[in-house]
N, C-alpha and C. Protein backbone atom coordinates (compact mmCIF):
# COMPACT_ATOMS: atom_id res chain seq x y z
N MET A 1 -46.54 73.91 -19.94
CA MET A 1 -47.75 73.27 -19.46
C MET A 1 -47.63 73.02 -17.97
N ASP A 2 -48.68 73.36 -17.22
CA ASP A 2 -48.66 73.17 -15.77
C ASP A 2 -49.22 71.79 -15.41
N TYR A 3 -48.32 70.88 -15.10
CA TYR A 3 -48.71 69.52 -14.72
C TYR A 3 -48.91 69.37 -13.22
N ALA A 4 -48.73 70.44 -12.46
CA ALA A 4 -48.78 70.35 -11.00
C ALA A 4 -50.08 69.71 -10.48
N PRO A 5 -51.27 70.08 -10.98
CA PRO A 5 -52.48 69.48 -10.42
C PRO A 5 -52.53 67.95 -10.56
N ILE A 6 -52.16 67.44 -11.71
CA ILE A 6 -52.21 65.98 -11.91
C ILE A 6 -51.07 65.28 -11.16
N LEU A 7 -49.90 65.91 -11.12
CA LEU A 7 -48.79 65.31 -10.37
C LEU A 7 -49.08 65.30 -8.87
N ASN A 8 -49.74 66.35 -8.38
CA ASN A 8 -50.13 66.39 -6.96
C ASN A 8 -51.15 65.30 -6.66
N ASN A 9 -52.05 65.04 -7.61
CA ASN A 9 -53.03 63.98 -7.41
C ASN A 9 -52.35 62.62 -7.35
N VAL A 10 -51.44 62.36 -8.26
CA VAL A 10 -50.71 61.10 -8.27
C VAL A 10 -49.91 60.95 -6.97
N ALA A 11 -49.32 62.04 -6.49
CA ALA A 11 -48.49 62.01 -5.27
C ALA A 11 -49.27 61.63 -4.02
N LYS A 12 -50.60 61.74 -4.07
CA LYS A 12 -51.41 61.29 -2.93
C LYS A 12 -51.34 59.77 -2.77
N TYR A 13 -50.96 59.08 -3.84
CA TYR A 13 -50.97 57.62 -3.83
C TYR A 13 -49.59 56.99 -3.97
N VAL A 14 -48.74 57.58 -4.80
CA VAL A 14 -47.39 57.03 -5.02
C VAL A 14 -46.40 58.19 -5.14
N THR A 15 -45.15 57.91 -4.79
CA THR A 15 -44.08 58.90 -4.90
C THR A 15 -43.33 58.66 -6.20
N LEU A 16 -43.21 59.70 -7.01
CA LEU A 16 -42.54 59.59 -8.30
C LEU A 16 -41.17 60.26 -8.25
N THR A 17 -40.24 59.65 -8.96
CA THR A 17 -38.96 60.31 -9.18
C THR A 17 -39.14 61.33 -10.29
N GLU A 18 -38.14 62.19 -10.47
CA GLU A 18 -38.22 63.17 -11.55
C GLU A 18 -38.31 62.47 -12.91
N GLU A 19 -37.56 61.38 -13.07
CA GLU A 19 -37.59 60.62 -14.32
C GLU A 19 -39.00 60.05 -14.59
N GLU A 20 -39.63 59.53 -13.55
CA GLU A 20 -40.98 58.97 -13.68
C GLU A 20 -42.00 60.06 -14.01
N GLU A 21 -41.84 61.23 -13.40
CA GLU A 21 -42.73 62.35 -13.70
C GLU A 21 -42.62 62.76 -15.16
N ILE A 22 -41.39 62.84 -15.65
CA ILE A 22 -41.17 63.24 -17.04
C ILE A 22 -41.77 62.21 -17.99
N TYR A 23 -41.57 60.94 -17.69
CA TYR A 23 -42.12 59.88 -18.54
C TYR A 23 -43.65 59.92 -18.53
N PHE A 24 -44.22 60.07 -17.35
CA PHE A 24 -45.68 60.14 -17.20
C PHE A 24 -46.24 61.33 -17.98
N THR A 25 -45.68 62.50 -17.76
CA THR A 25 -46.23 63.70 -18.41
C THR A 25 -46.04 63.67 -19.92
N SER A 26 -45.07 62.88 -20.39
CA SER A 26 -44.88 62.79 -21.85
C SER A 26 -46.08 62.11 -22.54
N PHE A 27 -46.87 61.37 -21.78
CA PHE A 27 -48.06 60.69 -22.33
C PHE A 27 -49.33 61.53 -22.20
N LEU A 28 -49.27 62.61 -21.45
CA LEU A 28 -50.47 63.40 -21.19
C LEU A 28 -50.83 64.30 -22.37
N HIS A 29 -52.11 64.36 -22.65
CA HIS A 29 -52.65 65.24 -23.69
C HIS A 29 -53.53 66.27 -22.98
N TYR A 30 -53.38 67.52 -23.37
CA TYR A 30 -54.21 68.60 -22.82
C TYR A 30 -55.39 68.82 -23.75
N LYS A 31 -56.56 69.09 -23.15
CA LYS A 31 -57.75 69.36 -23.96
C LYS A 31 -58.63 70.36 -23.23
N LYS A 32 -59.22 71.25 -24.01
CA LYS A 32 -60.21 72.19 -23.49
C LYS A 32 -61.55 71.76 -24.10
N VAL A 33 -62.54 71.57 -23.26
CA VAL A 33 -63.86 71.11 -23.70
C VAL A 33 -64.86 72.21 -23.41
N LYS A 34 -65.58 72.62 -24.44
CA LYS A 34 -66.59 73.67 -24.27
C LYS A 34 -67.82 73.13 -23.55
N ARG A 35 -68.59 74.03 -22.96
CA ARG A 35 -69.83 73.66 -22.28
C ARG A 35 -70.71 72.85 -23.24
N LYS A 36 -71.24 71.75 -22.77
CA LYS A 36 -72.12 70.83 -23.50
C LYS A 36 -71.40 70.01 -24.57
N GLN A 37 -70.09 70.17 -24.70
CA GLN A 37 -69.32 69.38 -25.66
C GLN A 37 -69.00 68.02 -25.05
N TYR A 38 -69.07 66.98 -25.87
CA TYR A 38 -68.80 65.63 -25.40
C TYR A 38 -67.31 65.33 -25.37
N LEU A 39 -66.90 64.65 -24.32
CA LEU A 39 -65.59 64.02 -24.29
C LEU A 39 -65.77 62.57 -24.76
N LEU A 40 -66.93 61.99 -24.48
CA LEU A 40 -67.28 60.64 -24.90
C LEU A 40 -68.78 60.58 -25.12
N GLU A 41 -69.19 59.98 -26.24
CA GLU A 41 -70.61 59.77 -26.51
C GLU A 41 -70.92 58.28 -26.41
N ALA A 42 -72.07 57.96 -25.81
CA ALA A 42 -72.52 56.58 -25.74
C ALA A 42 -72.49 56.00 -27.15
N GLY A 43 -72.00 54.77 -27.25
CA GLY A 43 -71.89 54.13 -28.56
C GLY A 43 -70.47 54.15 -29.10
N ASP A 44 -69.68 55.14 -28.69
CA ASP A 44 -68.27 55.19 -29.08
C ASP A 44 -67.46 54.33 -28.10
N VAL A 45 -66.30 53.90 -28.50
CA VAL A 45 -65.43 53.15 -27.59
C VAL A 45 -64.56 54.14 -26.82
N ASN A 46 -64.55 53.99 -25.50
CA ASN A 46 -63.74 54.86 -24.67
C ASN A 46 -62.27 54.43 -24.78
N THR A 47 -61.40 55.37 -25.11
CA THR A 47 -59.99 55.06 -25.32
C THR A 47 -59.06 55.78 -24.34
N LYS A 48 -59.64 56.56 -23.43
CA LYS A 48 -58.80 57.39 -22.57
C LYS A 48 -59.43 57.57 -21.19
N ILE A 49 -58.57 57.96 -20.26
CA ILE A 49 -59.01 58.33 -18.92
C ILE A 49 -58.63 59.79 -18.73
N ALA A 50 -59.56 60.57 -18.17
CA ALA A 50 -59.36 62.03 -18.08
C ALA A 50 -59.26 62.50 -16.64
N PHE A 51 -58.45 63.54 -16.46
CA PHE A 51 -58.27 64.20 -15.17
C PHE A 51 -58.61 65.67 -15.36
N VAL A 52 -59.56 66.17 -14.60
CA VAL A 52 -60.04 67.55 -14.74
C VAL A 52 -59.15 68.50 -13.93
N THR A 53 -58.70 69.57 -14.58
CA THR A 53 -57.91 70.59 -13.89
C THR A 53 -58.71 71.87 -13.66
N ASN A 54 -59.72 72.10 -14.47
CA ASN A 54 -60.55 73.30 -14.34
C ASN A 54 -61.90 73.01 -14.98
N GLY A 55 -62.99 73.50 -14.35
CA GLY A 55 -64.32 73.26 -14.90
C GLY A 55 -64.96 72.02 -14.29
N CYS A 56 -65.85 71.38 -15.05
CA CYS A 56 -66.54 70.20 -14.52
C CYS A 56 -67.11 69.36 -15.65
N LEU A 57 -66.88 68.07 -15.57
CA LEU A 57 -67.48 67.09 -16.48
C LEU A 57 -68.53 66.29 -15.71
N ARG A 58 -69.38 65.61 -16.46
CA ARG A 58 -70.31 64.68 -15.83
C ARG A 58 -70.41 63.45 -16.72
N SER A 59 -70.66 62.31 -16.10
CA SER A 59 -70.95 61.09 -16.86
C SER A 59 -72.39 60.73 -16.57
N TYR A 60 -73.09 60.29 -17.62
CA TYR A 60 -74.51 59.97 -17.44
C TYR A 60 -74.96 59.02 -18.53
N ALA A 61 -76.04 58.32 -18.22
CA ALA A 61 -76.70 57.43 -19.19
C ALA A 61 -78.06 58.03 -19.52
N VAL A 62 -78.55 57.72 -20.69
CA VAL A 62 -79.86 58.20 -21.13
C VAL A 62 -80.79 57.00 -21.27
N ASP A 63 -81.96 57.08 -20.63
CA ASP A 63 -82.90 55.96 -20.72
C ASP A 63 -83.71 56.03 -22.01
N LYS A 64 -84.56 55.02 -22.25
CA LYS A 64 -85.30 54.93 -23.51
C LYS A 64 -86.29 56.07 -23.70
N ASN A 65 -86.62 56.79 -22.62
CA ASN A 65 -87.52 57.95 -22.72
C ASN A 65 -86.77 59.27 -22.85
N GLY A 66 -85.44 59.20 -22.94
CA GLY A 66 -84.64 60.41 -23.07
C GLY A 66 -84.24 61.03 -21.74
N GLY A 67 -84.58 60.38 -20.64
CA GLY A 67 -84.20 60.89 -19.32
C GLY A 67 -82.73 60.65 -19.02
N GLU A 68 -82.07 61.64 -18.46
CA GLU A 68 -80.66 61.54 -18.12
C GLU A 68 -80.50 61.09 -16.67
N HIS A 69 -79.54 60.20 -16.45
CA HIS A 69 -79.25 59.68 -15.12
C HIS A 69 -77.76 59.87 -14.86
N VAL A 70 -77.45 60.86 -14.03
CA VAL A 70 -76.06 61.23 -13.78
C VAL A 70 -75.40 60.21 -12.85
N LEU A 71 -74.27 59.70 -13.30
CA LEU A 71 -73.50 58.75 -12.51
C LEU A 71 -72.44 59.46 -11.68
N GLN A 72 -71.77 60.44 -12.30
CA GLN A 72 -70.65 61.10 -11.63
C GLN A 72 -70.48 62.52 -12.15
N PHE A 73 -70.02 63.38 -11.26
CA PHE A 73 -69.50 64.69 -11.64
C PHE A 73 -67.99 64.64 -11.42
N ALA A 74 -67.26 65.36 -12.25
CA ALA A 74 -65.80 65.42 -12.11
C ALA A 74 -65.37 66.88 -12.08
N PRO A 75 -65.34 67.47 -10.88
CA PRO A 75 -64.79 68.83 -10.75
C PRO A 75 -63.26 68.76 -10.75
N PRO A 76 -62.57 69.88 -10.61
CA PRO A 76 -61.10 69.85 -10.61
C PRO A 76 -60.55 68.86 -9.58
N GLY A 77 -59.57 68.08 -10.03
CA GLY A 77 -58.94 67.10 -9.15
C GLY A 77 -59.55 65.72 -9.22
N TRP A 78 -60.56 65.52 -10.08
CA TRP A 78 -61.24 64.23 -10.20
C TRP A 78 -60.90 63.59 -11.54
N TRP A 79 -60.92 62.26 -11.54
CA TRP A 79 -60.74 61.45 -12.74
C TRP A 79 -62.11 61.02 -13.23
N ILE A 80 -62.25 60.77 -14.54
CA ILE A 80 -63.52 60.31 -15.09
C ILE A 80 -63.25 59.42 -16.30
N VAL A 81 -64.08 58.36 -16.42
CA VAL A 81 -63.89 57.38 -17.49
C VAL A 81 -65.12 56.48 -17.55
N ASP A 82 -65.41 55.93 -18.71
CA ASP A 82 -66.34 54.80 -18.80
C ASP A 82 -65.44 53.57 -18.72
N MET A 83 -65.28 53.06 -17.52
CA MET A 83 -64.29 52.02 -17.25
C MET A 83 -64.56 50.74 -18.04
N ARG A 84 -65.82 50.34 -18.12
CA ARG A 84 -66.13 49.09 -18.84
C ARG A 84 -65.72 49.21 -20.31
N SER A 85 -66.05 50.31 -20.95
CA SER A 85 -65.69 50.50 -22.34
C SER A 85 -64.17 50.56 -22.50
N LEU A 86 -63.49 51.22 -21.58
CA LEU A 86 -62.03 51.32 -21.65
C LEU A 86 -61.38 49.95 -21.58
N LEU A 87 -61.89 49.10 -20.69
CA LEU A 87 -61.28 47.79 -20.48
C LEU A 87 -61.68 46.75 -21.52
N THR A 88 -62.92 46.80 -21.99
CA THR A 88 -63.43 45.75 -22.89
C THR A 88 -63.41 46.16 -24.36
N HIS A 89 -63.23 47.44 -24.62
CA HIS A 89 -63.28 47.99 -25.98
C HIS A 89 -64.68 47.87 -26.58
N GLU A 90 -65.68 47.69 -25.74
CA GLU A 90 -67.07 47.68 -26.19
C GLU A 90 -67.59 49.11 -26.24
N PRO A 91 -68.64 49.35 -27.01
CA PRO A 91 -69.20 50.71 -27.05
C PRO A 91 -69.60 51.20 -25.66
N ALA A 92 -69.33 52.46 -25.42
CA ALA A 92 -69.65 53.07 -24.13
C ALA A 92 -71.16 53.15 -23.94
N ARG A 93 -71.59 52.98 -22.71
CA ARG A 93 -72.99 53.20 -22.35
C ARG A 93 -73.18 54.58 -21.75
N LEU A 94 -72.06 55.17 -21.37
CA LEU A 94 -72.10 56.49 -20.74
C LEU A 94 -71.74 57.58 -21.74
N ASN A 95 -72.31 58.74 -21.50
CA ASN A 95 -71.88 59.98 -22.13
C ASN A 95 -71.03 60.71 -21.10
N ILE A 96 -70.00 61.39 -21.57
CA ILE A 96 -69.23 62.28 -20.70
C ILE A 96 -69.18 63.62 -21.42
N ASP A 97 -69.74 64.65 -20.78
CA ASP A 97 -69.72 65.98 -21.38
C ASP A 97 -69.39 67.03 -20.34
N ALA A 98 -69.18 68.25 -20.84
CA ALA A 98 -68.78 69.36 -19.97
C ALA A 98 -70.01 70.14 -19.52
N ILE A 99 -70.12 70.37 -18.24
CA ILE A 99 -71.18 71.20 -17.68
C ILE A 99 -70.85 72.67 -17.89
N GLU A 100 -69.56 72.94 -17.89
CA GLU A 100 -69.04 74.28 -18.13
C GLU A 100 -67.72 74.11 -18.88
N GLU A 101 -67.17 75.19 -19.39
CA GLU A 101 -65.89 75.06 -20.08
C GLU A 101 -64.89 74.38 -19.14
N THR A 102 -64.24 73.35 -19.65
CA THR A 102 -63.42 72.50 -18.81
C THR A 102 -62.06 72.26 -19.45
N GLU A 103 -61.04 72.24 -18.61
CA GLU A 103 -59.70 71.90 -19.05
C GLU A 103 -59.31 70.60 -18.38
N LEU A 104 -58.63 69.75 -19.15
CA LEU A 104 -58.29 68.44 -18.62
C LEU A 104 -57.04 67.90 -19.28
N PHE A 105 -56.49 66.90 -18.62
CA PHE A 105 -55.46 66.07 -19.22
C PHE A 105 -56.07 64.70 -19.42
N TYR A 106 -55.66 64.03 -20.48
CA TYR A 106 -56.07 62.65 -20.64
C TYR A 106 -54.88 61.81 -21.08
N ILE A 107 -55.00 60.53 -20.81
CA ILE A 107 -53.99 59.57 -21.22
C ILE A 107 -54.70 58.45 -21.95
N LEU A 108 -54.15 58.06 -23.09
CA LEU A 108 -54.73 56.99 -23.90
C LEU A 108 -54.42 55.63 -23.27
N LYS A 109 -55.31 54.70 -23.45
CA LYS A 109 -55.17 53.36 -22.85
C LYS A 109 -53.85 52.69 -23.22
N PRO A 110 -53.42 52.66 -24.48
CA PRO A 110 -52.13 52.01 -24.79
C PRO A 110 -50.95 52.68 -24.07
N ASP A 111 -51.01 54.00 -23.92
CA ASP A 111 -49.95 54.72 -23.21
C ASP A 111 -49.99 54.40 -21.71
N LEU A 112 -51.18 54.28 -21.17
CA LEU A 112 -51.34 53.89 -19.76
C LEU A 112 -50.75 52.51 -19.54
N ASP A 113 -51.03 51.58 -20.46
CA ASP A 113 -50.48 50.23 -20.35
C ASP A 113 -48.95 50.25 -20.39
N ALA A 114 -48.39 51.04 -21.30
CA ALA A 114 -46.92 51.15 -21.41
C ALA A 114 -46.33 51.75 -20.14
N LEU A 115 -46.99 52.76 -19.62
CA LEU A 115 -46.55 53.42 -18.39
C LEU A 115 -46.53 52.43 -17.22
N GLN A 116 -47.59 51.65 -17.11
CA GLN A 116 -47.68 50.69 -16.01
C GLN A 116 -46.68 49.55 -16.17
N LEU A 117 -46.37 49.19 -17.40
CA LEU A 117 -45.39 48.14 -17.65
C LEU A 117 -43.98 48.60 -17.27
N LYS A 118 -43.64 49.83 -17.64
CA LYS A 118 -42.29 50.34 -17.35
C LYS A 118 -42.12 50.69 -15.87
N TYR A 119 -43.17 51.28 -15.28
CA TYR A 119 -43.11 51.68 -13.87
C TYR A 119 -44.31 51.09 -13.13
N PRO A 120 -44.12 49.92 -12.50
CA PRO A 120 -45.24 49.24 -11.82
C PRO A 120 -45.95 50.09 -10.76
N LYS A 121 -45.31 51.12 -10.26
CA LYS A 121 -45.99 51.96 -9.26
C LYS A 121 -47.23 52.63 -9.86
N PHE A 122 -47.27 52.81 -11.20
CA PHE A 122 -48.46 53.37 -11.83
C PHE A 122 -49.60 52.35 -11.85
N GLU A 123 -49.23 51.08 -11.87
CA GLU A 123 -50.25 50.04 -11.74
C GLU A 123 -50.87 50.12 -10.34
N ARG A 124 -50.03 50.33 -9.35
CA ARG A 124 -50.52 50.49 -7.97
C ARG A 124 -51.42 51.73 -7.87
N PHE A 125 -50.98 52.81 -8.49
CA PHE A 125 -51.78 54.03 -8.51
C PHE A 125 -53.15 53.77 -9.14
N GLY A 126 -53.16 53.11 -10.28
CA GLY A 126 -54.42 52.79 -10.95
C GLY A 126 -55.31 51.90 -10.11
N ARG A 127 -54.70 50.92 -9.45
CA ARG A 127 -55.47 50.04 -8.57
C ARG A 127 -56.10 50.82 -7.43
N MET A 128 -55.35 51.74 -6.85
CA MET A 128 -55.87 52.53 -5.73
C MET A 128 -57.01 53.43 -6.19
N LEU A 129 -56.89 54.03 -7.37
CA LEU A 129 -57.99 54.84 -7.91
C LEU A 129 -59.22 53.97 -8.14
N ALA A 130 -59.01 52.78 -8.71
CA ALA A 130 -60.13 51.88 -8.98
C ALA A 130 -60.79 51.41 -7.69
N GLU A 131 -59.99 51.12 -6.67
CA GLU A 131 -60.56 50.70 -5.38
C GLU A 131 -61.40 51.82 -4.77
N ASN A 132 -60.88 53.05 -4.82
CA ASN A 132 -61.63 54.18 -4.28
C ASN A 132 -62.94 54.39 -5.05
N ALA A 133 -62.87 54.26 -6.38
CA ALA A 133 -64.07 54.42 -7.19
C ALA A 133 -65.09 53.34 -6.86
N MET A 134 -64.63 52.10 -6.73
CA MET A 134 -65.54 51.00 -6.41
C MET A 134 -66.21 51.22 -5.05
N ALA A 135 -65.43 51.63 -4.07
CA ALA A 135 -65.98 51.88 -2.74
C ALA A 135 -67.02 53.00 -2.80
N THR A 136 -66.74 54.05 -3.56
CA THR A 136 -67.67 55.17 -3.70
C THR A 136 -68.97 54.72 -4.37
N TYR A 137 -68.85 53.93 -5.45
CA TYR A 137 -70.04 53.46 -6.17
C TYR A 137 -70.87 52.51 -5.32
N GLN A 138 -70.20 51.62 -4.55
CA GLN A 138 -70.94 50.72 -3.66
C GLN A 138 -71.69 51.52 -2.61
N HIS A 139 -71.03 52.50 -2.04
CA HIS A 139 -71.65 53.34 -1.02
C HIS A 139 -72.87 54.07 -1.61
N ARG A 140 -72.70 54.56 -2.82
CA ARG A 140 -73.82 55.27 -3.47
C ARG A 140 -74.99 54.33 -3.75
N GLN A 141 -74.70 53.11 -4.19
CA GLN A 141 -75.77 52.13 -4.44
C GLN A 141 -76.55 51.84 -3.16
N ILE A 142 -75.83 51.65 -2.08
CA ILE A 142 -76.48 51.40 -0.79
C ILE A 142 -77.33 52.60 -0.40
N ASP A 143 -76.77 53.80 -0.54
CA ASP A 143 -77.52 55.02 -0.22
C ASP A 143 -78.81 55.09 -1.04
N ASN A 144 -78.73 54.77 -2.32
CA ASN A 144 -79.91 54.83 -3.18
C ASN A 144 -80.99 53.83 -2.75
N MET A 145 -80.56 52.75 -2.13
CA MET A 145 -81.52 51.73 -1.69
C MET A 145 -82.14 52.05 -0.33
N ILE A 146 -81.37 52.67 0.57
CA ILE A 146 -81.87 52.77 1.94
C ILE A 146 -82.11 54.20 2.44
N LEU A 147 -81.62 55.22 1.75
CA LEU A 147 -81.79 56.59 2.25
C LEU A 147 -82.93 57.30 1.53
N ASN A 148 -83.54 58.24 2.23
CA ASN A 148 -84.56 59.06 1.58
C ASN A 148 -83.89 60.17 0.77
N ALA A 149 -84.68 60.89 0.02
CA ALA A 149 -84.14 61.90 -0.90
C ALA A 149 -83.34 62.98 -0.18
N MET A 150 -83.79 63.42 0.98
CA MET A 150 -83.08 64.47 1.71
C MET A 150 -81.71 63.96 2.18
N GLU A 151 -81.66 62.72 2.61
CA GLU A 151 -80.39 62.14 3.04
C GLU A 151 -79.43 61.99 1.85
N ARG A 152 -79.96 61.60 0.70
CA ARG A 152 -79.13 61.48 -0.50
C ARG A 152 -78.61 62.86 -0.92
N TYR A 153 -79.46 63.88 -0.80
CA TYR A 153 -79.05 65.25 -1.11
C TYR A 153 -77.93 65.69 -0.16
N SER A 154 -78.07 65.38 1.10
CA SER A 154 -77.06 65.73 2.09
C SER A 154 -75.72 65.05 1.75
N ASN A 155 -75.78 63.79 1.35
CA ASN A 155 -74.56 63.08 0.95
C ASN A 155 -73.94 63.71 -0.29
N PHE A 156 -74.79 64.15 -1.24
CA PHE A 156 -74.30 64.83 -2.44
C PHE A 156 -73.53 66.09 -2.03
N CYS A 157 -74.09 66.86 -1.11
CA CYS A 157 -73.45 68.10 -0.66
C CYS A 157 -72.09 67.81 -0.01
N THR A 158 -72.00 66.69 0.70
CA THR A 158 -70.73 66.31 1.32
C THR A 158 -69.70 65.88 0.28
N LEU A 159 -70.15 65.10 -0.72
CA LEU A 159 -69.25 64.59 -1.74
C LEU A 159 -68.77 65.68 -2.70
N TYR A 160 -69.68 66.59 -3.06
CA TYR A 160 -69.38 67.63 -4.05
C TYR A 160 -69.64 69.03 -3.48
N PRO A 161 -68.96 69.43 -2.41
CA PRO A 161 -69.26 70.74 -1.80
C PRO A 161 -69.02 71.92 -2.74
N SER A 162 -68.07 71.78 -3.65
CA SER A 162 -67.77 72.90 -4.56
C SER A 162 -68.82 73.05 -5.66
N LEU A 163 -69.68 72.05 -5.84
CA LEU A 163 -70.64 72.09 -6.94
C LEU A 163 -72.05 72.48 -6.52
N ILE A 164 -72.36 72.39 -5.26
CA ILE A 164 -73.74 72.52 -4.83
C ILE A 164 -74.37 73.86 -5.23
N LEU A 165 -73.60 74.92 -5.25
CA LEU A 165 -74.16 76.22 -5.62
C LEU A 165 -74.05 76.52 -7.11
N SER A 166 -73.18 75.77 -7.81
CA SER A 166 -72.97 76.08 -9.23
C SER A 166 -73.75 75.19 -10.20
N LEU A 167 -74.18 74.03 -9.75
CA LEU A 167 -74.90 73.12 -10.65
C LEU A 167 -76.38 73.48 -10.74
N PRO A 168 -76.97 73.31 -11.91
CA PRO A 168 -78.42 73.47 -12.01
C PRO A 168 -79.11 72.38 -11.18
N GLN A 169 -80.25 72.72 -10.59
CA GLN A 169 -80.97 71.74 -9.77
C GLN A 169 -81.32 70.50 -10.56
N LYS A 170 -81.53 70.64 -11.86
CA LYS A 170 -81.85 69.49 -12.71
C LYS A 170 -80.74 68.44 -12.64
N GLN A 171 -79.48 68.90 -12.64
CA GLN A 171 -78.34 67.97 -12.57
C GLN A 171 -78.27 67.28 -11.21
N VAL A 172 -78.46 68.06 -10.16
CA VAL A 172 -78.43 67.51 -8.81
C VAL A 172 -79.56 66.50 -8.63
N ALA A 173 -80.75 66.85 -9.10
CA ALA A 173 -81.91 65.95 -8.99
C ALA A 173 -81.62 64.63 -9.70
N SER A 174 -81.05 64.71 -10.89
CA SER A 174 -80.72 63.50 -11.65
C SER A 174 -79.76 62.62 -10.86
N TYR A 175 -78.77 63.23 -10.25
CA TYR A 175 -77.77 62.47 -9.49
C TYR A 175 -78.39 61.76 -8.29
N ILE A 176 -79.29 62.44 -7.58
CA ILE A 176 -79.86 61.82 -6.37
C ILE A 176 -81.12 61.00 -6.67
N GLY A 177 -81.56 61.00 -7.93
CA GLY A 177 -82.65 60.12 -8.32
C GLY A 177 -84.04 60.64 -8.06
N VAL A 178 -84.22 61.95 -8.19
CA VAL A 178 -85.56 62.55 -8.04
C VAL A 178 -85.79 63.51 -9.20
N THR A 179 -87.02 63.96 -9.34
CA THR A 179 -87.31 64.96 -10.38
C THR A 179 -86.86 66.34 -9.89
N PRO A 180 -86.57 67.25 -10.81
CA PRO A 180 -86.21 68.61 -10.40
C PRO A 180 -87.31 69.27 -9.56
N GLU A 181 -88.57 68.98 -9.92
CA GLU A 181 -89.70 69.55 -9.18
C GLU A 181 -89.71 69.06 -7.73
N PHE A 182 -89.46 67.76 -7.56
CA PHE A 182 -89.44 67.19 -6.21
C PHE A 182 -88.30 67.79 -5.39
N LEU A 183 -87.13 67.93 -6.01
CA LEU A 183 -85.98 68.51 -5.30
C LEU A 183 -86.28 69.94 -4.88
N SER A 184 -86.85 70.73 -5.78
CA SER A 184 -87.18 72.11 -5.47
C SER A 184 -88.17 72.19 -4.30
N LYS A 185 -89.19 71.36 -4.36
CA LYS A 185 -90.21 71.33 -3.30
C LYS A 185 -89.57 70.90 -1.97
N MET A 186 -88.72 69.87 -2.03
CA MET A 186 -88.07 69.37 -0.83
C MET A 186 -87.19 70.46 -0.20
N LEU A 187 -86.40 71.16 -1.02
CA LEU A 187 -85.51 72.19 -0.50
C LEU A 187 -86.28 73.39 0.02
N ASN A 188 -87.38 73.74 -0.64
CA ASN A 188 -88.22 74.85 -0.16
C ASN A 188 -88.86 74.50 1.17
N THR A 189 -89.24 73.27 1.37
CA THR A 189 -89.83 72.82 2.64
C THR A 189 -88.83 72.95 3.75
N VAL A 190 -87.58 72.57 3.48
CA VAL A 190 -86.52 72.66 4.49
C VAL A 190 -86.24 74.11 4.85
N VAL A 191 -86.21 75.00 3.84
CA VAL A 191 -85.93 76.42 4.06
C VAL A 191 -87.05 77.07 4.87
N ILE A 192 -88.29 76.68 4.60
CA ILE A 192 -89.45 77.27 5.28
C ILE A 192 -89.47 76.88 6.75
N LYS A 193 -89.06 75.65 7.07
CA LYS A 193 -89.11 75.17 8.46
C LYS A 193 -88.21 75.92 9.32
């Protein structure tokens, strides 16, 4: 099993000894998720945190009218989780599914707790991931309040450069908070100018 992508991600935050790497990887589970297959369905309790090595996942909520609202995309090198459900053991409000065939590693919450107890540097790693996620979500909330659709689209392109050409416009529109028709019209206007 090639653990290099996830170990390289961890190495951005903390330095592991060979013993720590072996212990960490002993908790990792490999999974292949088919396109449109769920990793987590709203209503289920989230028990794991996932790291994408190939493909792309998305997390989203569905409103009472059936409209999807994308919270996050997770291309290779990204982590994804319904954090509230993971921490509180309450039913998830988010769905996490594959946009395309995806390969990932995941770690179960009890194993993560054991890992952090034995090697506190993993607690630091988790805190740093959580801080980065919080900063990203705060920035996105502010953007949604003060930026126009074109500016939000531009920020999306900066955040997810590898996805802009591969995602359906419907997914991008959901993420930036506009209808697919509006996004198409907006992009056509920019191209024409």
